[in-house]
């Protein structure tokens, strides 16, 4: 794992399937910052799911704001797909935004090492480690950016 600045806490999630950072930004601002930082690490957002809207439309349920961004780094995806064609089942790397404490947003990141670790392939594991490092940098920088906003 990369080293982080001490003032930014990136926490592993239960079962190590992801990690998260809570930032003192409203969701729209946190999402905008997350997208910009993902871009600096070579990720684009391929898919967007507004779970609040989907659950309202499909089930008539009022749900809290909850957005899922499907982030993809094309270079890393191509490397993984070239050695393991079925790896697309485990892509893209999801980033979830939801309200945290008042005025804060919880930003969760899928842990590529856990997801891609389902495949017993050393070349895929190398891609997973690189993707993990990049996403951890995004989380750390998101925490740092929000403290200077």
Protein backbone atom coordinates (compact mmCIF):
# COMPACT_ATOMS: atom_id res chain seq x y z
CA UNK A 1 0.00 0.00 0.00
CA UNK A 2 1.20 3.53 -0.68
CA UNK A 3 2.08 5.81 2.21
CA UNK A 4 -0.36 8.61 2.99
CA UNK A 5 -0.13 11.95 4.69
CA UNK A 6 -0.96 11.51 8.35
CA UNK A 7 -3.85 14.01 8.31
CA UNK A 8 -5.89 12.04 5.75
CA UNK A 9 -7.51 8.87 7.01
CA UNK A 10 -8.26 6.25 4.38
CA UNK A 11 -9.95 3.33 6.07
CA UNK A 12 -10.20 -0.27 4.87
CA UNK A 13 -13.72 -1.62 4.77
CA UNK A 14 -14.90 -4.83 6.39
CA UNK A 15 -13.58 -7.91 4.56
CA UNK A 16 -11.07 -5.71 2.69
CA UNK A 17 -13.24 -5.40 -0.41
CA UNK A 18 -12.84 -1.65 -0.42
CA UNK A 19 -11.57 1.45 1.31
CA UNK A 20 -13.14 4.81 2.06
CA UNK A 21 -12.51 8.41 2.95
CA UNK A 22 -15.04 10.83 4.45
CA UNK A 23 -14.60 14.35 3.16
CA UNK A 24 -16.10 17.64 4.42
CA UNK A 25 -17.80 18.36 1.09
CA UNK A 26 -21.39 18.08 -0.12
CA UNK A 27 -21.96 15.17 -2.53
CA UNK A 28 -21.94 17.22 -5.74
CA UNK A 29 -18.63 18.85 -4.85
CA UNK A 30 -17.13 15.58 -3.64
CA UNK A 31 -18.17 13.87 -6.88
CA UNK A 32 -16.71 16.66 -8.99
CA UNK A 33 -13.41 16.45 -7.10
CA UNK A 34 -13.36 12.64 -7.25
CA UNK A 35 -13.89 12.70 -11.03
CA UNK A 36 -11.05 15.20 -11.49
CA UNK A 37 -8.68 13.17 -9.32
CA UNK A 38 -9.61 9.90 -11.02
CA UNK A 39 -8.75 11.57 -14.33
CA UNK A 40 -5.29 12.52 -13.03
CA UNK A 41 -4.66 8.80 -12.40
CA UNK A 42 -5.83 7.81 -15.89
CA UNK A 43 -9.38 6.76 -14.97
CA UNK A 44 -12.52 7.80 -16.80
CA UNK A 45 -16.06 7.27 -15.58
CA UNK A 46 -17.78 4.80 -17.93
CA UNK A 47 -20.99 4.28 -15.99
CA UNK A 48 -23.05 6.22 -13.48
CA UNK A 49 -25.85 4.78 -11.39
CA UNK A 50 -28.07 6.97 -9.24
CA UNK A 51 -29.45 4.37 -6.83
CA UNK A 52 -31.83 6.87 -5.24
CA UNK A 53 -33.46 7.56 -8.60
CA UNK A 54 -33.40 3.91 -9.70
CA UNK A 55 -35.02 2.60 -6.52
CA UNK A 56 -37.66 5.34 -6.69
CA UNK A 57 -38.50 4.56 -10.33
CA UNK A 58 -38.38 0.76 -10.08
CA UNK A 59 -39.66 0.11 -6.56
CA UNK A 60 -41.26 3.34 -5.39
CA UNK A 61 -38.78 3.43 -2.48
CA UNK A 62 -37.32 6.64 -1.08
CA UNK A 63 -33.62 5.98 -0.58
CA UNK A 64 -30.76 8.18 0.55
CA UNK A 65 -28.54 9.79 -2.10
CA UNK A 66 -26.21 7.03 -3.35
CA UNK A 67 -24.20 7.23 -6.58
CA UNK A 68 -22.05 4.53 -8.13
CA UNK A 69 -19.37 5.59 -10.61
CA UNK A 70 -17.79 2.89 -12.76
CA UNK A 71 -14.20 4.07 -13.15
CA UNK A 72 -11.90 2.56 -15.76
CA UNK A 73 -8.24 3.07 -16.54
CA UNK A 74 -8.04 1.91 -20.19
CA UNK A 75 -4.35 1.01 -20.07
CA UNK A 76 -4.78 -1.18 -16.99
CA UNK A 77 -7.99 -2.72 -18.34
CA UNK A 78 -6.28 -3.61 -21.62
CA UNK A 79 -3.39 -5.26 -19.79
CA UNK A 80 -5.75 -7.34 -17.67
CA UNK A 81 -8.01 -8.27 -20.60
CA UNK A 82 -5.05 -9.35 -22.72
CA UNK A 83 -4.02 -12.02 -20.19
CA UNK A 84 -7.46 -12.92 -18.78
CA UNK A 85 -10.35 -12.36 -21.24
CA UNK A 86 -13.05 -13.05 -18.62
CA UNK A 87 -11.73 -10.33 -16.29
CA UNK A 88 -14.34 -7.97 -17.72
CA UNK A 89 -16.77 -9.57 -15.27
CA UNK A 90 -14.84 -7.81 -12.50
CA UNK A 91 -14.50 -4.41 -14.19
CA UNK A 92 -14.79 -1.44 -13.82
CA UNK A 93 -13.55 -0.21 -10.46
CA UNK A 94 -16.58 1.16 -8.64
CA UNK A 95 -16.52 4.35 -6.61
CA UNK A 96 -19.54 5.03 -4.38
CA UNK A 97 -20.59 8.39 -2.98
CA UNK A 98 -23.15 8.80 -0.21
CA UNK A 99 -23.82 11.27 2.57
CA UNK A 100 -21.63 10.96 5.63
CA UNK A 101 -21.82 13.08 8.74
CA UNK A 102 -23.59 16.42 8.29
CA UNK A 103 -21.94 18.34 5.46
CA UNK A 104 -19.64 15.41 4.65
CA UNK A 105 -19.59 12.78 1.93
CA UNK A 106 -18.38 9.23 2.30
CA UNK A 107 -16.45 8.14 -0.79
CA UNK A 108 -15.87 4.39 -1.06
CA UNK A 109 -13.53 2.72 -3.51
CA UNK A 110 -13.53 -0.88 -4.67
CA UNK A 111 -10.26 -2.60 -3.72
CA UNK A 112 -8.89 -3.95 -7.03
CA UNK A 113 -6.58 -6.38 -5.21
CA UNK A 114 -9.62 -8.06 -3.62
CA UNK A 115 -11.79 -8.06 -6.75
CA UNK A 116 -9.14 -9.09 -9.26
CA UNK A 117 -7.62 -11.44 -6.71
CA UNK A 118 -10.48 -13.81 -7.53
CA UNK A 119 -8.40 -14.69 -10.59
CA UNK A 120 -5.28 -16.73 -9.88
CA UNK A 121 -3.03 -14.97 -12.39
CA UNK A 122 0.21 -13.18 -11.47
CA UNK A 123 -0.08 -10.73 -14.39
CA UNK A 124 -3.60 -9.76 -13.31
CA UNK A 125 -2.36 -9.41 -9.73
CA UNK A 126 0.26 -6.92 -10.93
CA UNK A 127 -2.44 -4.86 -12.67
CA UNK A 128 -4.58 -5.03 -9.52
CA UNK A 129 -1.72 -3.71 -7.38
CA UNK A 130 -1.15 -0.81 -9.77
CA UNK A 131 -4.86 0.04 -9.90
CA UNK A 132 -5.02 -0.13 -6.11
CA UNK A 133 -2.12 2.28 -5.73
CA UNK A 134 -3.77 4.73 -8.12
CA UNK A 135 -7.16 4.57 -6.37
CA UNK A 136 -5.54 4.93 -2.95
CA UNK A 137 -3.80 8.08 -4.24
CA UNK A 138 -7.17 9.41 -5.41
CA UNK A 139 -8.67 8.77 -1.96
CA UNK A 140 -5.74 10.38 -0.19
CA UNK A 141 -5.73 13.39 -2.51
CA UNK A 142 -9.50 13.76 -2.22
CA UNK A 143 -9.10 14.03 1.53
CA UNK A 144 -6.25 16.52 1.15
CA UNK A 145 -8.07 18.65 -1.47
CA UNK A 146 -11.21 18.86 0.66
CA UNK A 147 -9.19 20.20 3.60
CA UNK A 148 -8.01 23.13 1.49
CA UNK A 149 -11.38 23.89 -0.12
